[in-house]
Amino acid sequence: MKTKSKSNNVRPIVGPEQLQAENERLRKKLKKFTTEKAKKALARSKREKALRPYQAELIQLQNYLEQTKRPMIVVFEGRDASGKGGTIRRATRYMNEKRYRTVALGKPSQLQRTQWFFQRYVQHFPRGGEMVLFDRSWYNRAMVEPVLGFCTPEEYKHFMKGVVGFEKDLVRTGTILVKLYFSVTKEEQAKRFERRKNDPLRQWKLSEVDLQAQEHWGDFTNQKYEMLKRTHRAESPWTVIRSNDKFLARLNAIRVILNSVPYKRVDKTLDYVPDPKIVISGSREVELMEAERIQSGKFSY
């Protein structure tokens, strides 16, 4: 009986020189990976540490609100993955939990749909001496809802007519109102979405609405323009935060919040001036968008 040759199953002999070379290659690759990872971790640590003096000032701001019994609302608006949530977490990290609340409302119930539109937001408004941070706010009706068909054109029209007066009354009766719009580029948003898809710790952030953000980029841009143009007022101005760089967005957003309250600063050596490359007034953003539309025929951001 003929026996089958096993020559096809025999692995070539690897010499010690080849093994050593392969081990060295893997060692260098591992060292490079761990070095890069360590550098990134160190950079993140330095940036988080750089925020701490400003976070300490936010505690002093809270003390001022408590002493004066003034309520404060900070509105965080912007496209999906623009950095709103991360900024809120940094701003509130060391705050007194008894004196602030973060509000992120879901879809309205059937009962809420029959009520005055602002009613479900008003019930979360701050008492005297408290700060409430809205992770998206009533401005959903100016941005998300009309683009995705969650409201009728008539409902949108009523909102845009009424919101300025609504906010004017808030401010007139003593509420400190800060409106922040986080502006991220289409390319950076796509990168962040991709990271959310591939990172199991971030996948929960990816919603059905997020998946439509890139497709409706132009529609959201048009809504942003209308919102800023029609609701930026002296009593309740918009502040636009360029948020491609998360750290700079967080730092400058905190500066804007600190500058909105006349509390007594503790650390006078800190730089409280917002970076003009990161922080832009709502009126200036409208001017820039209009200039871009004249030059290229459309908005891009």
Protein backbone atom coordinates (compact mmCIF):
# COMPACT_ATOMS: atom_id res chain seq x y z
CA MET A 1 0.00 0.00 0.00
CA LYS A 2 1.29 3.43 -0.96
CA THR A 3 1.57 5.95 1.79
CA LYS A 4 0.59 9.59 1.24
CA SER A 5 3.37 12.09 1.34
CA LYS A 6 3.24 14.43 4.34
CA SER A 7 5.59 16.93 2.78
CA ASN A 8 2.74 19.44 2.34
CA ASN A 9 2.14 19.51 6.10
CA VAL A 10 5.73 20.03 7.10
CA ARG A 11 6.47 23.59 8.16
CA PRO A 12 9.71 25.13 7.04
CA ILE A 13 12.36 25.28 9.71
CA VAL A 14 12.83 28.78 11.08
CA GLY A 15 16.30 29.65 12.15
CA PRO A 16 17.21 31.43 15.39
CA GLU A 17 18.14 34.56 13.47
CA GLN A 18 14.67 34.78 11.93
CA LEU A 19 12.99 34.17 15.29
CA GLN A 20 15.09 36.85 16.90
CA ALA A 21 14.30 39.31 14.11
CA GLU A 22 10.57 38.61 14.41
CA ASN A 23 10.68 39.01 18.19
CA GLU A 24 12.50 42.32 17.81
CA ARG A 25 9.92 43.54 15.29
CA LEU A 26 7.05 42.65 17.63
CA ARG A 27 8.84 44.23 20.59
CA LYS A 28 9.29 47.51 18.72
CA LYS A 29 5.68 47.47 17.56
CA LEU A 30 4.44 46.86 21.12
CA LYS A 31 6.72 49.58 22.50
CA LYS A 32 5.49 52.07 19.90
CA PHE A 33 1.86 51.19 20.67
CA THR A 34 2.27 51.51 24.45
CA THR A 35 4.30 54.72 24.06
CA GLU A 36 1.66 56.34 21.86
CA LYS A 37 -1.07 55.18 24.21
CA ALA A 38 0.82 56.55 27.21
CA LYS A 39 1.38 59.89 25.45
CA LYS A 40 -2.32 60.20 24.66
CA ALA A 41 -3.25 59.32 28.24
CA LEU A 42 -0.75 61.88 29.56
CA ALA A 43 -2.07 64.57 27.21
CA ARG A 44 -5.64 63.85 28.34
CA SER A 45 -4.56 64.01 31.97
CA LYS A 46 -2.86 67.39 31.45
CA ARG A 47 -5.93 68.80 29.74
CA GLU A 48 -8.27 67.59 32.46
CA LYS A 49 -5.92 69.10 35.05
CA ALA A 50 -5.94 72.41 33.18
CA LEU A 51 -9.72 72.62 33.63
CA ARG A 52 -9.61 72.28 37.42
CA PRO A 53 -9.01 75.97 38.31
CA TYR A 54 -12.02 76.90 36.18
CA GLN A 55 -14.08 74.11 37.73
CA ALA A 56 -13.19 75.57 41.14
CA GLU A 57 -14.49 78.95 39.95
CA LEU A 58 -17.77 77.31 38.97
CA ILE A 59 -18.21 76.33 42.62
CA GLN A 60 -17.79 79.99 43.55
CA LEU A 61 -20.36 80.86 40.91
CA GLN A 62 -22.74 78.43 42.59
CA ASN A 63 -22.12 80.16 45.92
CA TYR A 64 -23.05 83.50 44.35
CA LEU A 65 -26.31 82.06 43.02
CA GLU A 66 -27.12 80.63 46.42
CA GLN A 67 -26.38 83.90 48.20
CA THR A 68 -28.38 86.03 45.77
CA LYS A 69 -31.13 83.42 45.22
CA ARG A 70 -30.89 83.92 41.48
CA PRO A 71 -31.87 81.05 39.16
CA MET A 72 -29.62 80.21 36.20
CA ILE A 73 -30.27 78.25 33.00
CA VAL A 74 -27.55 77.13 30.59
CA VAL A 75 -28.80 75.81 27.25
CA PHE A 76 -26.53 73.43 25.33
CA GLU A 77 -27.50 73.14 21.68
CA GLY A 78 -25.72 71.92 18.55
CA ARG A 79 -25.54 69.02 16.16
CA ASP A 80 -25.22 65.43 17.33
CA ALA A 81 -21.68 64.57 18.49
CA SER A 82 -20.77 68.27 18.77
CA GLY A 83 -19.51 67.90 22.35
CA LYS A 84 -22.44 69.09 24.44
CA GLY A 85 -22.53 66.13 26.84
CA GLY A 86 -18.79 66.06 27.45
CA THR A 87 -18.77 69.77 28.25
CA ILE A 88 -21.67 69.40 30.69
CA ARG A 89 -19.84 66.59 32.49
CA ARG A 90 -16.68 68.69 32.86
CA ALA A 91 -18.58 71.77 33.97
CA THR A 92 -20.49 69.90 36.69
CA ARG A 93 -17.76 67.47 37.80
CA TYR A 94 -16.99 69.24 41.09
CA MET A 95 -20.17 71.26 41.54
CA ASN A 96 -22.37 70.98 44.60
CA GLU A 97 -24.92 68.39 43.48
CA LYS A 98 -27.64 70.00 45.61
CA ARG A 99 -27.46 73.23 43.64
CA TYR A 100 -27.54 72.09 40.01
CA ARG A 101 -29.45 69.73 37.76
CA THR A 102 -28.86 68.42 34.25
CA VAL A 103 -32.00 67.99 32.16
CA ALA A 104 -32.12 65.91 28.97
CA LEU A 105 -35.72 65.32 27.95
CA GLY A 106 -36.85 62.54 25.64
CA LYS A 107 -39.80 62.51 23.28
CA PRO A 108 -42.93 64.21 24.64
CA SER A 109 -45.80 62.03 25.81
CA GLN A 110 -49.23 62.14 24.20
CA LEU A 111 -50.44 64.33 27.08
CA GLN A 112 -47.49 66.73 26.71
CA ARG A 113 -48.25 67.08 23.01
CA THR A 114 -51.61 68.63 23.92
CA GLN A 115 -50.06 71.15 26.34
CA TRP A 116 -48.42 74.53 25.82
CA PHE A 117 -45.12 73.68 24.13
CA PHE A 118 -42.87 75.25 26.79
CA GLN A 119 -44.74 73.61 29.67
CA ARG A 120 -42.66 70.44 29.92
CA TYR A 121 -39.48 72.55 30.03
CA VAL A 122 -40.80 75.07 32.54
CA GLN A 123 -41.46 72.33 35.09
CA HIS A 124 -37.70 71.68 35.16
CA PHE A 125 -36.69 75.32 35.58
CA PRO A 126 -34.43 76.22 38.53
CA ARG A 127 -35.52 77.56 41.86
CA GLY A 128 -33.70 80.57 43.30
CA GLY A 129 -30.02 79.80 43.85
CA GLU A 130 -30.01 76.78 41.52
CA MET A 131 -28.49 76.13 38.10
CA VAL A 132 -30.13 73.92 35.47
CA LEU A 133 -28.19 72.75 32.41
CA PHE A 134 -30.33 71.67 29.46
CA ASP A 135 -28.70 69.05 27.23
CA ARG A 136 -30.86 70.14 24.29
CA SER A 137 -33.76 72.38 25.10
CA TRP A 138 -36.90 73.94 23.68
CA TYR A 139 -34.76 74.72 20.63
CA ASN A 140 -35.37 71.16 19.47
CA ARG A 141 -38.37 72.72 17.77
CA ALA A 142 -36.11 75.12 15.87
CA MET A 143 -33.60 72.48 14.70
CA VAL A 144 -34.34 68.76 14.95
CA GLU A 145 -38.13 68.66 14.82
CA PRO A 146 -38.72 70.55 11.55
CA VAL A 147 -35.93 68.68 9.73
CA LEU A 148 -37.08 65.20 10.77
CA GLY A 149 -40.79 65.95 10.56
CA PHE A 150 -41.49 65.80 14.30
CA CYS A 151 -43.53 69.01 14.17
CA THR A 152 -45.79 70.69 11.64
CA PRO A 153 -44.81 73.87 9.78
CA GLU A 154 -47.49 75.67 11.79
CA GLU A 155 -46.03 74.46 15.11
CA TYR A 156 -42.56 75.61 14.02
CA LYS A 157 -43.95 79.00 13.00
CA HIS A 158 -45.67 79.49 16.38
CA PHE A 159 -42.48 78.54 18.22
CA MET A 160 -40.29 80.98 16.32
CA LYS A 161 -42.80 83.77 16.98
CA GLY A 162 -43.08 83.05 20.69
CA VAL A 163 -39.63 82.01 21.88
CA VAL A 164 -38.08 85.49 21.92
CA GLY A 165 -40.82 86.87 24.16
CA PHE A 166 -40.69 83.75 26.35
CA GLU A 167 -36.96 84.23 26.99
CA LYS A 168 -37.32 87.97 27.42
CA ASP A 169 -39.76 87.36 30.28
CA LEU A 170 -37.38 84.83 31.84
CA VAL A 171 -34.52 87.32 31.88
CA ARG A 172 -36.72 90.23 32.96
CA THR A 173 -37.82 88.30 36.05
CA GLY A 174 -34.24 87.60 37.15
CA THR A 175 -33.20 84.32 35.50
CA ILE A 176 -29.63 84.23 34.16
CA LEU A 177 -29.91 82.63 30.71
CA VAL A 178 -26.87 81.40 28.78
CA LYS A 179 -27.39 79.90 25.31
CA LEU A 180 -24.48 77.91 23.86
CA TYR A 181 -24.44 76.46 20.34
CA PHE A 182 -21.69 73.88 19.69
CA SER A 183 -20.54 73.97 16.06
CA VAL A 184 -18.70 70.94 14.67
CA THR A 185 -17.67 70.32 11.04
CA LYS A 186 -19.26 67.59 8.94
CA GLU A 187 -15.96 65.72 8.68
CA GLU A 188 -15.35 65.76 12.44
CA GLN A 189 -18.92 64.65 13.14
CA ALA A 190 -18.45 61.69 10.78
CA LYS A 191 -15.25 60.68 12.64
CA ARG A 192 -17.04 60.80 15.99
CA PHE A 193 -19.94 58.73 14.66
CA GLU A 194 -17.48 56.13 13.37
CA ARG A 195 -15.81 55.98 16.76
CA ARG A 196 -19.17 55.46 18.42
CA LYS A 197 -19.95 52.57 16.08
CA ASN A 198 -16.69 50.78 16.87
CA ASP A 199 -16.33 51.55 20.57
CA PRO A 200 -18.55 49.37 22.81
CA LEU A 201 -18.32 52.00 25.56
CA ARG A 202 -19.78 54.65 23.24
CA GLN A 203 -22.26 52.66 21.14
CA TRP A 204 -25.13 53.69 23.41
CA LYS A 205 -24.63 57.27 22.21
CA LEU A 206 -25.51 56.36 18.62
CA SER A 207 -29.24 56.83 18.01
CA GLU A 208 -31.51 56.65 14.98
CA VAL A 209 -31.50 60.45 14.83
CA ASP A 210 -27.69 60.46 14.81
CA LEU A 211 -27.65 58.20 11.76
CA GLN A 212 -29.61 60.82 9.81
CA ALA A 213 -27.40 63.76 10.84
CA GLN A 214 -24.94 63.47 7.96
CA GLU A 215 -27.67 62.87 5.40
CA HIS A 216 -29.53 66.01 6.51
CA TRP A 217 -26.44 68.15 7.09
CA GLY A 218 -27.57 70.93 4.77
CA ASP A 219 -31.09 70.99 6.22
CA PHE A 220 -29.74 71.34 9.75
CA THR A 221 -27.43 74.12 8.61
CA ASN A 222 -30.35 76.07 7.17
CA GLN A 223 -32.25 75.63 10.44
CA LYS A 224 -29.21 76.76 12.42
CA TYR A 225 -29.03 79.94 10.35
CA GLU A 226 -32.72 80.74 10.85
CA MET A 227 -32.52 80.00 14.58
CA LEU A 228 -29.50 82.23 15.19
CA LYS A 229 -30.80 85.02 13.00
CA ARG A 230 -34.25 85.15 14.56
CA THR A 231 -33.56 84.30 18.22
CA HIS A 232 -30.25 86.06 18.93
CA ARG A 233 -31.30 89.06 21.00
CA ALA A 234 -29.57 91.42 23.40
CA GLU A 235 -31.57 89.96 26.31
CA SER A 236 -30.86 86.34 25.33
CA PRO A 237 -27.88 86.15 22.95
CA TRP A 238 -26.40 83.02 21.41
CA THR A 239 -22.74 82.14 21.89
CA VAL A 240 -21.28 79.79 19.27
CA ILE A 241 -18.52 77.39 20.37
CA ARG A 242 -16.28 75.90 17.69
CA SER A 243 -16.03 72.34 18.98
CA ASN A 244 -13.76 70.33 16.68
CA ASP A 245 -11.19 70.43 19.49
CA LYS A 246 -13.08 69.06 22.49
CA PHE A 247 -10.73 70.43 25.14
CA LEU A 248 -10.75 73.98 23.78
CA ALA A 249 -14.53 73.83 23.41
CA ARG A 250 -14.94 72.72 27.04
CA LEU A 251 -12.50 75.28 28.38
CA ASN A 252 -14.03 78.19 26.51
CA ALA A 253 -17.61 77.16 27.22
CA ILE A 254 -16.78 77.23 30.94
CA ARG A 255 -15.20 80.67 30.50
CA VAL A 256 -18.41 81.92 28.87
CA ILE A 257 -20.49 80.56 31.74
CA LEU A 258 -18.21 82.16 34.34
CA ASN A 259 -18.32 85.52 32.55
CA SER A 260 -22.12 85.51 32.52
CA VAL A 261 -22.35 85.87 36.32
CA PRO A 262 -20.93 88.77 38.40
CA TYR A 263 -19.55 86.54 41.16
CA LYS A 264 -16.33 87.39 43.01
CA ARG A 265 -13.45 85.58 41.34
CA VAL A 266 -11.06 83.68 43.58
CA ASP A 267 -8.15 83.01 41.22
CA LYS A 268 -7.37 86.31 39.51
CA THR A 269 -4.38 84.83 37.69
CA LEU A 270 -6.62 82.72 35.44
CA ASP A 271 -7.29 83.74 31.86
CA TYR A 272 -11.04 84.31 31.70
CA VAL A 273 -11.06 85.74 28.18
CA PRO A 274 -12.67 83.36 25.65
CA ASP A 275 -10.50 82.47 22.66
CA PRO A 276 -11.92 84.43 19.69
CA LYS A 277 -11.04 81.52 17.38
CA ILE A 278 -13.31 79.25 19.43
CA VAL A 279 -16.01 81.58 20.76
CA ILE A 280 -18.14 83.63 18.36
CA SER A 281 -21.28 85.64 19.00
CA GLY A 282 -24.48 84.47 17.39
CA SER A 283 -24.74 87.66 15.34
CA ARG A 284 -21.18 87.24 14.05
CA GLU A 285 -21.90 83.64 13.08
CA VAL A 286 -24.90 84.81 11.06
CA GLU A 287 -22.68 87.37 9.28
CA LEU A 288 -20.10 84.70 8.46
CA MET A 289 -22.76 82.34 7.14
CA GLU A 290 -24.30 85.06 5.00
CA ALA A 291 -20.90 86.00 3.56
CA GLU A 292 -20.23 82.35 2.74
CA ARG A 293 -23.57 82.00 1.02
CA ILE A 294 -22.86 85.07 -1.13
CA GLN A 295 -19.44 83.69 -2.13
CA SER A 296 -20.28 80.03 -2.72
CA GLY A 297 -24.06 80.03 -3.02
CA LYS A 298 -24.64 77.86 0.06
CA PHE A 299 -23.79 77.28 3.71
CA SER A 300 -21.20 74.66 4.64
CA TYR A 301 -21.17 74.62 8.45
